[in-house]
Amino acid sequence: MTNPAARPARDDRRSSPKTHPAVRRHDVAVPWGLVISTAGGVAATIVGVIAGGIVGRRSQNRQWLQQARTAAYEKFLQAFGTVEMELRHAFLDRRRPAVVWGPFNAALQSLCLVASREAATAAGEICDIIEAFTVLFHGRQPTDLAELQPIHTGLYEAHVKFVNAARRSLDVSQEDLVRTLGGPSPWDGVESFYARGEGPPGN
């Protein structure tokens, strides 16, 4: 019987794989500078695309608003001119006014959507004076210029105020106008034509 103690000890080194002398381990250095630089470039590109999209969208919105405001201001001024002229001519002709309010009211609705606060306030002042003008014809035919003068002067000043407010809302660099083209005519012209009995003056 063989004595177990007499058996030669097992060499565990035989079971472990041997590394071929030609195969050596090399530590791979990560080029962190390149990685960070690339990541930063990608992030900058993404941010640039997003920022560019936001700026472009804002620019388009401003352009749309400016165009919409221009159209609304023009529409209101045209409607106001028609109403004011009819009321003034009716007064000077000593007849009842035949105002068509539809276009004027429609212009006001358009104005409410896009006008600046300053322009909308100025338009409201015009509406208040127009209302006072129509009241002159309630139940009677006004003929006294003393009644017309404060209304006419108020409309003239309110018209200039609205035009300047509209101009500023379209471009803040535009200078204010002292007087405007169109709108209520100067009071001295109204008074002169009325005194000579030549009928209502034009704009």
N, C-alpha and C. Protein backbone atom coordinates (compact mmCIF):
# COMPACT_ATOMS: atom_id res chain seq x y z
N MET A 1 0.85 -1.20 0.00
CA MET A 1 0.00 0.00 0.00
C MET A 1 0.87 1.23 0.00
N THR A 2 0.57 2.09 -0.86
CA THR A 2 1.41 3.29 -1.01
C THR A 2 1.05 4.31 0.03
N ASN A 3 2.08 4.82 0.58
CA ASN A 3 1.90 5.85 1.60
C ASN A 3 1.60 7.17 0.92
N PRO A 4 0.45 7.80 1.25
CA PRO A 4 0.11 9.07 0.60
C PRO A 4 1.14 10.12 0.84
N ALA A 5 1.77 10.03 1.98
CA ALA A 5 2.74 11.08 2.29
C ALA A 5 3.94 11.00 1.39
N ALA A 6 4.13 9.79 0.80
CA ALA A 6 5.30 9.63 -0.04
C ALA A 6 5.10 10.15 -1.44
N ARG A 7 3.81 10.52 -1.81
CA ARG A 7 3.55 11.04 -3.15
C ARG A 7 4.16 12.43 -3.32
N PRO A 8 4.70 12.64 -4.44
CA PRO A 8 5.29 13.98 -4.65
C PRO A 8 4.20 15.06 -4.67
N ALA A 9 4.55 16.16 -4.11
CA ALA A 9 3.58 17.30 -4.05
C ALA A 9 3.28 17.80 -5.46
N ARG A 10 2.01 18.18 -5.71
CA ARG A 10 1.57 18.67 -7.01
C ARG A 10 2.03 20.09 -7.24
N ASP A 11 2.59 20.24 -8.38
CA ASP A 11 3.08 21.59 -8.72
C ASP A 11 1.93 22.38 -9.35
N ASP A 12 1.37 23.32 -8.53
CA ASP A 12 0.23 24.12 -9.02
C ASP A 12 0.61 25.04 -10.15
N ARG A 13 1.89 25.25 -10.32
CA ARG A 13 2.28 26.15 -11.38
C ARG A 13 1.97 25.59 -12.75
N ARG A 14 1.81 24.28 -12.85
CA ARG A 14 1.52 23.67 -14.13
C ARG A 14 0.12 24.06 -14.65
N SER A 15 -0.80 24.22 -13.70
CA SER A 15 -2.18 24.54 -14.11
C SER A 15 -2.36 25.99 -14.49
N SER A 16 -1.48 26.84 -14.06
CA SER A 16 -1.63 28.26 -14.38
C SER A 16 -1.09 28.52 -15.76
N PRO A 17 -1.81 29.31 -16.58
CA PRO A 17 -1.35 29.57 -17.95
C PRO A 17 -0.08 30.38 -17.94
N LYS A 18 0.74 30.09 -18.88
CA LYS A 18 1.99 30.81 -18.99
C LYS A 18 1.83 31.95 -20.00
N THR A 19 2.46 33.03 -19.67
CA THR A 19 2.43 34.19 -20.56
C THR A 19 3.61 34.10 -21.48
N HIS A 20 3.30 34.16 -22.76
CA HIS A 20 4.39 34.07 -23.74
C HIS A 20 5.27 35.29 -23.60
N PRO A 21 6.52 35.09 -23.69
CA PRO A 21 7.44 36.23 -23.50
C PRO A 21 7.17 37.36 -24.48
N ALA A 22 6.66 37.01 -25.67
CA ALA A 22 6.43 38.07 -26.67
C ALA A 22 5.21 38.92 -26.38
N VAL A 23 4.31 38.36 -25.52
CA VAL A 23 3.07 39.08 -25.20
C VAL A 23 3.27 39.86 -23.92
N ARG A 24 3.20 41.12 -23.97
CA ARG A 24 3.36 41.97 -22.81
C ARG A 24 2.17 42.92 -22.68
N ARG A 25 1.85 43.23 -21.46
CA ARG A 25 0.73 44.13 -21.20
C ARG A 25 1.20 45.57 -21.32
N HIS A 26 0.35 46.33 -22.03
CA HIS A 26 0.65 47.76 -22.17
C HIS A 26 -0.54 48.56 -21.63
N ASP A 27 -0.33 49.53 -20.82
CA ASP A 27 -1.38 50.42 -20.32
C ASP A 27 -1.73 51.43 -21.41
N VAL A 28 -3.06 51.48 -21.80
CA VAL A 28 -3.52 52.40 -22.84
C VAL A 28 -3.88 53.74 -22.21
N ALA A 29 -3.25 54.79 -22.57
CA ALA A 29 -3.54 56.13 -22.03
C ALA A 29 -4.72 56.75 -22.78
N VAL A 30 -5.79 57.14 -22.06
CA VAL A 30 -6.97 57.77 -22.67
C VAL A 30 -6.66 59.22 -23.00
N PRO A 31 -6.86 59.64 -24.24
CA PRO A 31 -6.58 61.04 -24.63
C PRO A 31 -7.69 61.97 -24.14
N TRP A 32 -7.68 62.25 -22.84
CA TRP A 32 -8.77 63.04 -22.26
C TRP A 32 -8.87 64.43 -22.88
N GLY A 33 -7.77 64.99 -23.25
CA GLY A 33 -7.82 66.31 -23.88
C GLY A 33 -8.62 66.30 -25.16
N LEU A 34 -8.41 65.25 -25.96
CA LEU A 34 -9.15 65.13 -27.21
C LEU A 34 -10.62 64.86 -26.95
N VAL A 35 -10.89 64.00 -25.96
CA VAL A 35 -12.28 63.67 -25.63
C VAL A 35 -13.04 64.91 -25.16
N ILE A 36 -12.39 65.67 -24.26
CA ILE A 36 -13.04 66.87 -23.73
C ILE A 36 -13.24 67.89 -24.84
N SER A 37 -12.24 68.03 -25.69
CA SER A 37 -12.35 68.98 -26.78
C SER A 37 -13.47 68.61 -27.74
N THR A 38 -13.58 67.33 -28.06
CA THR A 38 -14.64 66.87 -28.97
C THR A 38 -16.02 67.05 -28.35
N ALA A 39 -16.13 66.68 -27.07
CA ALA A 39 -17.41 66.82 -26.38
C ALA A 39 -17.83 68.28 -26.30
N GLY A 40 -16.83 69.13 -26.02
CA GLY A 40 -17.14 70.56 -25.96
C GLY A 40 -17.59 71.10 -27.30
N GLY A 41 -16.96 70.62 -28.37
CA GLY A 41 -17.36 71.06 -29.70
C GLY A 41 -18.77 70.62 -30.05
N VAL A 42 -19.12 69.40 -29.68
CA VAL A 42 -20.47 68.89 -29.94
C VAL A 42 -21.50 69.69 -29.15
N ALA A 43 -21.16 69.93 -27.85
CA ALA A 43 -22.10 70.68 -27.00
C ALA A 43 -22.30 72.09 -27.54
N ALA A 44 -21.19 72.71 -27.97
CA ALA A 44 -21.30 74.06 -28.52
C ALA A 44 -22.14 74.09 -29.78
N THR A 45 -22.01 73.05 -30.60
CA THR A 45 -22.81 72.97 -31.83
C THR A 45 -24.29 72.85 -31.51
N ILE A 46 -24.61 71.98 -30.54
CA ILE A 46 -26.01 71.78 -30.15
C ILE A 46 -26.60 73.07 -29.59
N VAL A 47 -25.83 73.72 -28.70
CA VAL A 47 -26.31 74.98 -28.11
C VAL A 47 -26.49 76.03 -29.20
N GLY A 48 -25.56 76.05 -30.15
CA GLY A 48 -25.66 77.01 -31.24
C GLY A 48 -26.89 76.79 -32.10
N VAL A 49 -27.18 75.53 -32.36
CA VAL A 49 -28.37 75.21 -33.16
C VAL A 49 -29.64 75.63 -32.43
N ILE A 50 -29.70 75.32 -31.12
CA ILE A 50 -30.88 75.69 -30.33
C ILE A 50 -31.03 77.20 -30.24
N ALA A 51 -29.90 77.87 -29.92
CA ALA A 51 -29.95 79.33 -29.81
C ALA A 51 -30.32 79.97 -31.15
N GLY A 52 -29.76 79.44 -32.21
CA GLY A 52 -30.08 79.97 -33.54
C GLY A 52 -31.55 79.80 -33.88
N GLY A 53 -32.11 78.64 -33.48
CA GLY A 53 -33.53 78.42 -33.73
C GLY A 53 -34.40 79.38 -32.95
N ILE A 54 -34.00 79.65 -31.69
CA ILE A 54 -34.78 80.57 -30.85
C ILE A 54 -34.70 81.99 -31.41
N VAL A 55 -33.48 82.41 -31.76
CA VAL A 55 -33.30 83.76 -32.30
C VAL A 55 -34.05 83.91 -33.63
N GLY A 56 -33.97 82.88 -34.48
CA GLY A 56 -34.68 82.94 -35.75
C GLY A 56 -36.18 83.00 -35.57
N ARG A 57 -36.69 82.24 -34.61
CA ARG A 57 -38.14 82.25 -34.36
C ARG A 57 -38.58 83.61 -33.83
N ARG A 58 -37.77 84.18 -32.92
CA ARG A 58 -38.12 85.49 -32.39
C ARG A 58 -38.09 86.55 -33.48
N SER A 59 -37.12 86.45 -34.36
CA SER A 59 -37.03 87.40 -35.47
C SER A 59 -38.26 87.28 -36.37
N GLN A 60 -38.69 86.07 -36.64
CA GLN A 60 -39.89 85.87 -37.47
C GLN A 60 -41.13 86.42 -36.76
N ASN A 61 -41.21 86.20 -35.44
CA ASN A 61 -42.36 86.71 -34.69
C ASN A 61 -42.40 88.23 -34.71
N ARG A 62 -41.22 88.86 -34.54
CA ARG A 62 -41.18 90.32 -34.58
C ARG A 62 -41.57 90.85 -35.95
N GLN A 63 -41.12 90.17 -36.98
CA GLN A 63 -41.47 90.60 -38.35
C GLN A 63 -42.96 90.45 -38.59
N TRP A 64 -43.53 89.34 -38.13
CA TRP A 64 -44.98 89.13 -38.30
C TRP A 64 -45.75 90.20 -37.53
N LEU A 65 -45.33 90.50 -36.29
CA LEU A 65 -46.04 91.48 -35.48
C LEU A 65 -45.96 92.86 -36.11
N GLN A 66 -44.80 93.21 -36.63
CA GLN A 66 -44.65 94.51 -37.27
C GLN A 66 -45.56 94.63 -38.49
N GLN A 67 -45.62 93.58 -39.29
CA GLN A 67 -46.48 93.60 -40.47
C GLN A 67 -47.96 93.67 -40.07
N ALA A 68 -48.33 92.90 -39.03
CA ALA A 68 -49.71 92.90 -38.58
C ALA A 68 -50.09 94.26 -38.00
N ARG A 69 -49.18 94.87 -37.25
CA ARG A 69 -49.46 96.19 -36.69
C ARG A 69 -49.61 97.24 -37.79
N THR A 70 -48.73 97.19 -38.78
CA THR A 70 -48.82 98.15 -39.88
C THR A 70 -50.18 98.06 -40.57
N ALA A 71 -50.62 96.84 -40.84
CA ALA A 71 -51.91 96.65 -41.50
C ALA A 71 -53.06 97.14 -40.62
N ALA A 72 -53.00 96.85 -39.32
CA ALA A 72 -54.07 97.27 -38.40
C ALA A 72 -54.10 98.79 -38.25
N TYR A 73 -52.94 99.41 -38.16
CA TYR A 73 -52.89 100.87 -38.03
C TYR A 73 -53.44 101.55 -39.29
N GLU A 74 -53.05 101.03 -40.45
CA GLU A 74 -53.56 101.60 -41.70
C GLU A 74 -55.08 101.46 -41.79
N LYS A 75 -55.57 100.29 -41.42
CA LYS A 75 -57.01 100.04 -41.48
C LYS A 75 -57.77 100.97 -40.55
N PHE A 76 -57.24 101.19 -39.36
CA PHE A 76 -57.90 102.07 -38.40
C PHE A 76 -57.89 103.51 -38.87
N LEU A 77 -56.74 103.97 -39.38
CA LEU A 77 -56.65 105.35 -39.84
C LEU A 77 -57.60 105.62 -41.00
N GLN A 78 -57.72 104.67 -41.91
CA GLN A 78 -58.63 104.83 -43.03
C GLN A 78 -60.08 104.89 -42.56
N ALA A 79 -60.43 103.99 -41.63
CA ALA A 79 -61.80 103.97 -41.12
C ALA A 79 -62.10 105.23 -40.31
N PHE A 80 -61.16 105.67 -39.52
CA PHE A 80 -61.33 106.89 -38.74
C PHE A 80 -61.50 108.10 -39.66
N GLY A 81 -60.67 108.18 -40.69
CA GLY A 81 -60.78 109.30 -41.62
C GLY A 81 -62.15 109.37 -42.28
N THR A 82 -62.69 108.21 -42.63
CA THR A 82 -64.01 108.19 -43.26
C THR A 82 -65.10 108.67 -42.31
N VAL A 83 -65.05 108.20 -41.06
CA VAL A 83 -66.06 108.58 -40.06
C VAL A 83 -65.95 110.06 -39.72
N GLU A 84 -64.73 110.52 -39.47
CA GLU A 84 -64.53 111.92 -39.08
C GLU A 84 -64.97 112.87 -40.19
N MET A 85 -64.64 112.53 -41.43
CA MET A 85 -64.99 113.39 -42.55
C MET A 85 -66.51 113.48 -42.74
N GLU A 86 -67.19 112.35 -42.58
CA GLU A 86 -68.65 112.35 -42.74
C GLU A 86 -69.32 113.18 -41.64
N LEU A 87 -68.85 113.05 -40.40
CA LEU A 87 -69.42 113.83 -39.31
C LEU A 87 -69.16 115.32 -39.51
N ARG A 88 -67.96 115.65 -39.91
CA ARG A 88 -67.61 117.06 -40.13
C ARG A 88 -68.40 117.66 -41.29
N HIS A 89 -68.49 116.93 -42.38
CA HIS A 89 -69.25 117.43 -43.53
C HIS A 89 -70.74 117.56 -43.20
N ALA A 90 -71.26 116.62 -42.42
CA ALA A 90 -72.67 116.72 -42.03
C ALA A 90 -72.92 117.96 -41.19
N PHE A 91 -71.99 118.26 -40.32
CA PHE A 91 -72.13 119.47 -39.48
C PHE A 91 -72.11 120.72 -40.36
N LEU A 92 -71.14 120.82 -41.25
CA LEU A 92 -70.98 122.01 -42.07
C LEU A 92 -72.07 122.12 -43.14
N ASP A 93 -72.61 120.96 -43.58
CA ASP A 93 -73.69 120.97 -44.57
C ASP A 93 -75.06 121.12 -43.92
N ARG A 94 -75.07 121.10 -42.59
CA ARG A 94 -76.31 121.19 -41.83
C ARG A 94 -77.27 120.05 -42.22
N ARG A 95 -76.79 118.84 -42.11
CA ARG A 95 -77.60 117.65 -42.42
C ARG A 95 -77.28 116.56 -41.41
N ARG A 96 -78.06 115.50 -41.46
CA ARG A 96 -77.82 114.36 -40.59
C ARG A 96 -76.66 113.53 -41.14
N PRO A 97 -75.77 113.07 -40.29
CA PRO A 97 -74.66 112.25 -40.77
C PRO A 97 -75.12 110.85 -41.18
N ALA A 98 -74.48 110.32 -42.18
CA ALA A 98 -74.78 108.95 -42.64
C ALA A 98 -73.51 108.11 -42.48
N VAL A 99 -73.16 107.86 -41.24
CA VAL A 99 -71.92 107.13 -40.94
C VAL A 99 -72.16 105.63 -41.07
N VAL A 100 -71.24 104.95 -41.74
CA VAL A 100 -71.25 103.49 -41.81
C VAL A 100 -70.23 103.00 -40.77
N TRP A 101 -70.74 102.44 -39.66
CA TRP A 101 -69.87 102.13 -38.53
C TRP A 101 -69.16 100.78 -38.65
N GLY A 102 -69.60 99.94 -39.58
CA GLY A 102 -69.02 98.59 -39.67
C GLY A 102 -67.51 98.58 -39.84
N PRO A 103 -66.97 99.26 -40.85
CA PRO A 103 -65.51 99.25 -41.04
C PRO A 103 -64.75 99.83 -39.86
N PHE A 104 -65.32 100.86 -39.23
CA PHE A 104 -64.65 101.47 -38.08
C PHE A 104 -64.56 100.49 -36.91
N ASN A 105 -65.68 99.82 -36.62
CA ASN A 105 -65.68 98.85 -35.53
C ASN A 105 -64.77 97.66 -35.83
N ALA A 106 -64.75 97.21 -37.08
CA ALA A 106 -63.88 96.10 -37.47
C ALA A 106 -62.41 96.49 -37.31
N ALA A 107 -62.10 97.74 -37.66
CA ALA A 107 -60.72 98.21 -37.52
C ALA A 107 -60.30 98.26 -36.05
N LEU A 108 -61.23 98.62 -35.19
CA LEU A 108 -60.93 98.64 -33.76
C LEU A 108 -60.65 97.23 -33.23
N GLN A 109 -61.40 96.26 -33.70
CA GLN A 109 -61.17 94.88 -33.28
C GLN A 109 -59.79 94.40 -33.71
N SER A 110 -59.41 94.71 -34.92
CA SER A 110 -58.08 94.33 -35.41
C SER A 110 -56.99 95.02 -34.59
N LEU A 111 -57.25 96.26 -34.24
CA LEU A 111 -56.28 97.04 -33.48
C LEU A 111 -56.04 96.42 -32.09
N CYS A 112 -57.12 95.92 -31.49
CA CYS A 112 -57.00 95.34 -30.15
C CYS A 112 -56.09 94.12 -30.12
N LEU A 113 -55.94 93.45 -31.24
CA LEU A 113 -55.15 92.21 -31.27
C LEU A 113 -53.65 92.47 -31.29
N VAL A 114 -53.21 93.54 -31.94
CA VAL A 114 -51.77 93.69 -32.17
C VAL A 114 -51.20 95.05 -31.76
N ALA A 115 -52.02 96.04 -31.50
CA ALA A 115 -51.51 97.37 -31.21
C ALA A 115 -50.72 97.39 -29.91
N SER A 116 -49.75 98.29 -29.84
CA SER A 116 -49.06 98.50 -28.58
C SER A 116 -50.01 99.17 -27.59
N ARG A 117 -49.66 99.13 -26.31
CA ARG A 117 -50.54 99.74 -25.30
C ARG A 117 -50.70 101.23 -25.56
N GLU A 118 -49.62 101.90 -25.93
CA GLU A 118 -49.68 103.34 -26.19
C GLU A 118 -50.58 103.65 -27.37
N ALA A 119 -50.45 102.87 -28.44
CA ALA A 119 -51.28 103.10 -29.62
C ALA A 119 -52.74 102.79 -29.33
N ALA A 120 -53.00 101.74 -28.58
CA ALA A 120 -54.38 101.38 -28.24
C ALA A 120 -55.02 102.46 -27.37
N THR A 121 -54.25 103.02 -26.44
CA THR A 121 -54.76 104.10 -25.60
C THR A 121 -55.10 105.33 -26.43
N ALA A 122 -54.22 105.67 -27.37
CA ALA A 122 -54.47 106.82 -28.25
C ALA A 122 -55.70 106.59 -29.12
N ALA A 123 -55.88 105.36 -29.59
CA ALA A 123 -57.07 105.04 -30.39
C ALA A 123 -58.33 105.17 -29.53
N GLY A 124 -58.23 104.78 -28.27
CA GLY A 124 -59.38 104.92 -27.36
C GLY A 124 -59.78 106.37 -27.17
N GLU A 125 -58.79 107.27 -27.13
CA GLU A 125 -59.09 108.70 -27.00
C GLU A 125 -59.83 109.20 -28.25
N ILE A 126 -59.42 108.71 -29.40
CA ILE A 126 -60.13 109.09 -30.63
C ILE A 126 -61.58 108.64 -30.58
N CYS A 127 -61.79 107.41 -30.12
CA CYS A 127 -63.16 106.87 -30.04
C CYS A 127 -64.02 107.70 -29.09
N ASP A 128 -63.45 108.14 -27.98
CA ASP A 128 -64.21 108.95 -27.02
C ASP A 128 -64.66 110.27 -27.66
N ILE A 129 -63.78 110.89 -28.43
CA ILE A 129 -64.13 112.17 -29.06
C ILE A 129 -65.12 111.96 -30.19
N ILE A 130 -64.96 110.88 -30.93
CA ILE A 130 -65.94 110.56 -31.98
C ILE A 130 -67.33 110.38 -31.38
N GLU A 131 -67.37 109.74 -30.22
CA GLU A 131 -68.66 109.55 -29.55
C GLU A 131 -69.27 110.89 -29.18
N ALA A 132 -68.44 111.80 -28.66
CA ALA A 132 -68.94 113.13 -28.32
C ALA A 132 -69.42 113.88 -29.56
N PHE A 133 -68.78 113.63 -30.67
CA PHE A 133 -69.18 114.27 -31.94
C PHE A 133 -70.58 113.79 -32.35
N THR A 134 -70.81 112.50 -32.26
CA THR A 134 -72.12 111.97 -32.66
C THR A 134 -73.23 112.45 -31.73
N VAL A 135 -72.88 112.71 -30.47
CA VAL A 135 -73.90 113.18 -29.51
C VAL A 135 -74.44 114.55 -29.93
N LEU A 136 -73.64 115.33 -30.61
CA LEU A 136 -74.11 116.65 -31.06
C LEU A 136 -75.34 116.54 -31.94
N PHE A 137 -75.47 115.43 -32.64
CA PHE A 137 -76.58 115.27 -33.59
C PHE A 137 -77.81 114.58 -32.97
N HIS A 138 -77.73 114.26 -31.69
CA HIS A 138 -78.85 113.56 -31.06
C HIS A 138 -80.06 114.49 -30.91
N GLY A 139 -81.08 114.26 -31.70
CA GLY A 139 -82.32 115.01 -31.57
C GLY A 139 -82.28 116.43 -32.10
N ARG A 140 -81.20 116.82 -32.78
CA ARG A 140 -81.14 118.19 -33.28
C ARG A 140 -80.09 118.30 -34.39
N GLN A 141 -80.05 119.45 -35.00
CA GLN A 141 -79.04 119.72 -36.03
C GLN A 141 -78.09 120.79 -35.49
N PRO A 142 -76.87 120.42 -35.12
CA PRO A 142 -75.94 121.42 -34.58
C PRO A 142 -75.44 122.35 -35.68
N THR A 143 -75.31 123.63 -35.35
CA THR A 143 -74.83 124.62 -36.32
C THR A 143 -73.80 125.58 -35.72
N ASP A 144 -73.65 125.54 -34.41
CA ASP A 144 -72.76 126.49 -33.73
C ASP A 144 -71.31 125.99 -33.78
N LEU A 145 -70.44 126.79 -34.38
CA LEU A 145 -69.03 126.40 -34.46
C LEU A 145 -68.37 126.28 -33.09
N ALA A 146 -68.91 126.96 -32.12
CA ALA A 146 -68.36 126.87 -30.77
C ALA A 146 -68.50 125.45 -30.21
N GLU A 147 -69.49 124.72 -30.70
CA GLU A 147 -69.64 123.32 -30.29
C GLU A 147 -68.68 122.40 -31.05
N LEU A 148 -68.44 122.77 -32.30
CA LEU A 148 -67.58 121.92 -33.12
C LEU A 148 -66.09 122.10 -32.81
N GLN A 149 -65.71 123.32 -32.44
CA GLN A 149 -64.27 123.59 -32.30
C GLN A 149 -63.56 122.69 -31.30
N PRO A 150 -64.05 122.52 -30.07
CA PRO A 150 -63.32 121.66 -29.13
C PRO A 150 -63.25 120.20 -29.58
N ILE A 151 -64.30 119.75 -30.26
CA ILE A 151 -64.30 118.38 -30.77
C ILE A 151 -63.31 118.23 -31.91
N HIS A 152 -63.33 119.19 -32.82
CA HIS A 152 -62.43 119.14 -33.97
C HIS A 152 -60.97 119.23 -33.52
N THR A 153 -60.69 120.14 -32.58
CA THR A 153 -59.33 120.29 -32.07
C THR A 153 -58.88 119.02 -31.34
N GLY A 154 -59.80 118.45 -30.58
CA GLY A 154 -59.48 117.22 -29.87
C GLY A 154 -59.16 116.08 -30.81
N LEU A 155 -59.93 115.97 -31.89
CA LEU A 155 -59.68 114.91 -32.88
C LEU A 155 -58.35 115.14 -33.60
N TYR A 156 -58.05 116.39 -33.89
CA TYR A 156 -56.79 116.72 -34.56
C TYR A 156 -55.60 116.29 -33.69
N GLU A 157 -55.65 116.65 -32.42
CA GLU A 157 -54.56 116.32 -31.51
C GLU A 157 -54.48 114.81 -31.24
N ALA A 158 -55.63 114.18 -31.09
CA ALA A 158 -55.65 112.73 -30.83
C ALA A 158 -55.13 111.95 -32.04
N HIS A 159 -55.43 112.47 -33.23
CA HIS A 159 -54.95 111.82 -34.45
C HIS A 159 -53.42 111.87 -34.52
N VAL A 160 -52.83 113.03 -34.24
CA VAL A 160 -51.37 113.15 -34.22
C VAL A 160 -50.77 112.24 -33.16
N LYS A 161 -51.41 112.18 -32.00
CA LYS A 161 -50.92 111.34 -30.91
C LYS A 161 -50.93 109.86 -31.30
N PHE A 162 -52.00 109.44 -31.95
CA PHE A 162 -52.08 108.03 -32.37
C PHE A 162 -51.02 107.71 -33.42
N VAL A 163 -50.87 108.59 -34.40
CA VAL A 163 -49.89 108.34 -35.46
C VAL A 163 -48.49 108.21 -34.87
N ASN A 164 -48.13 109.07 -33.94
CA ASN A 164 -46.81 109.00 -33.33
C ASN A 164 -46.64 107.74 -32.49
N ALA A 165 -47.68 107.36 -31.78
CA ALA A 165 -47.61 106.12 -31.00
C ALA A 165 -47.45 104.91 -31.91
N ALA A 166 -48.17 104.92 -33.02
CA ALA A 166 -48.05 103.82 -33.98
C ALA A 166 -46.67 103.77 -34.59
N ARG A 167 -46.12 104.93 -34.94
CA ARG A 167 -44.78 104.99 -35.52
C ARG A 167 -43.74 104.44 -34.53
N ARG A 168 -43.85 104.80 -33.27
CA ARG A 168 -42.90 104.31 -32.27
C ARG A 168 -42.99 102.81 -32.08
N SER A 169 -44.21 102.28 -32.15
CA SER A 169 -44.36 100.84 -31.95
C SER A 169 -43.79 100.04 -33.12
N LEU A 170 -43.72 100.67 -34.29
CA LEU A 170 -43.14 100.01 -35.45
C LEU A 170 -41.63 100.15 -35.49
N ASP A 171 -41.13 101.30 -35.03
CA ASP A 171 -39.69 101.55 -35.03
C ASP A 171 -39.42 102.68 -34.04
N VAL A 172 -38.75 102.36 -32.95
CA VAL A 172 -38.53 103.35 -31.89
C VAL A 172 -37.63 104.49 -32.35
N SER A 173 -36.91 104.30 -33.45
CA SER A 173 -36.01 105.35 -33.94
C SER A 173 -36.74 106.44 -34.71
N GLN A 174 -38.01 106.23 -35.03
CA GLN A 174 -38.76 107.24 -35.80
C GLN A 174 -39.07 108.45 -34.93
N GLU A 175 -38.90 109.61 -35.50
CA GLU A 175 -39.18 110.85 -34.79
C GLU A 175 -40.68 111.14 -34.78
N ASP A 176 -41.11 111.87 -33.74
CA ASP A 176 -42.51 112.27 -33.66
C ASP A 176 -42.83 113.34 -34.70
N LEU A 177 -44.04 113.29 -35.19
CA LEU A 177 -44.51 114.30 -36.14
C LEU A 177 -45.23 115.41 -35.39
N VAL A 178 -45.06 116.62 -35.85
CA VAL A 178 -45.77 117.76 -35.25
C VAL A 178 -47.19 117.82 -35.79
N ARG A 179 -47.33 117.51 -37.06
CA ARG A 179 -48.64 117.42 -37.70
C ARG A 179 -48.60 116.25 -38.67
N THR A 180 -49.77 115.76 -39.01
CA THR A 180 -49.86 114.61 -39.89
C THR A 180 -50.53 114.98 -41.21
N LEU A 181 -50.34 114.13 -42.18
CA LEU A 181 -51.03 114.29 -43.46
C LEU A 181 -52.32 113.49 -43.40
N GLY A 182 -53.39 114.10 -43.84
CA GLY A 182 -54.68 113.43 -43.71
C GLY A 182 -55.27 113.69 -42.34
N GLY A 183 -56.38 113.05 -42.06
CA GLY A 183 -57.03 113.26 -40.78
C GLY A 183 -57.75 114.60 -40.75
N PRO A 184 -58.15 115.05 -39.56
CA PRO A 184 -58.88 116.32 -39.45
C PRO A 184 -58.06 117.48 -40.01
N SER A 185 -58.72 118.34 -40.75
CA SER A 185 -58.04 119.50 -41.32
C SER A 185 -57.82 120.55 -40.23
N PRO A 186 -56.89 121.48 -40.44
CA PRO A 186 -56.67 122.54 -39.45
C PRO A 186 -57.95 123.35 -39.21
N TRP A 187 -58.11 123.82 -37.99
CA TRP A 187 -59.34 124.49 -37.62
C TRP A 187 -59.57 125.78 -38.41
N ASP A 188 -58.53 126.50 -38.70
CA ASP A 188 -58.74 127.76 -39.41
C ASP A 188 -59.34 127.53 -40.79
N GLY A 189 -59.03 126.38 -41.42
CA GLY A 189 -59.65 126.06 -42.71
C GLY A 189 -61.13 125.79 -42.57
N VAL A 190 -61.50 125.05 -41.52
CA VAL A 190 -62.92 124.76 -41.27
C VAL A 190 -63.68 126.06 -41.03
N GLU A 191 -63.12 126.92 -40.21
CA GLU A 191 -63.78 128.18 -39.87
C GLU A 191 -63.92 129.08 -41.09
N SER A 192 -62.90 129.11 -41.92
CA SER A 192 -62.93 129.97 -43.10
C SER A 192 -64.00 129.53 -44.10
N PHE A 193 -64.05 128.21 -44.36
CA PHE A 193 -65.05 127.71 -45.30
C PHE A 193 -66.46 127.88 -44.75
N TYR A 194 -66.61 127.70 -43.45
CA TYR A 194 -67.94 127.84 -42.85
C TYR A 194 -68.41 129.28 -42.93
N ALA A 195 -67.50 130.22 -42.68
CA ALA A 195 -67.88 131.64 -42.68
C ALA A 195 -68.26 132.12 -44.07
N ARG A 196 -67.60 131.55 -45.10
CA ARG A 196 -67.89 131.98 -46.47
C ARG A 196 -69.02 131.19 -47.11
N GLY A 197 -69.52 130.20 -46.38
CA GLY A 197 -70.62 129.40 -46.89
C GLY A 197 -70.25 128.57 -48.10
N GLU A 198 -68.98 128.11 -48.17
CA GLU A 198 -68.53 127.33 -49.30
C GLU A 198 -68.61 125.84 -49.06
N GLY A 199 -69.27 125.44 -47.99
CA GLY A 199 -69.38 124.02 -47.71
C GLY A 199 -68.14 123.50 -47.00
N PRO A 200 -68.13 122.24 -46.72
CA PRO A 200 -67.06 121.66 -45.92
C PRO A 200 -65.75 121.58 -46.69
N PRO A 201 -64.63 121.88 -46.01
CA PRO A 201 -63.34 121.74 -46.67
C PRO A 201 -62.92 120.28 -46.72
N GLY A 202 -62.09 119.96 -47.68
CA GLY A 202 -61.54 118.61 -47.74
C GLY A 202 -60.38 118.48 -46.80
N ASN A 203 -59.70 117.31 -46.84
CA ASN A 203 -58.56 117.08 -45.95
C ASN A 203 -57.32 117.76 -46.51
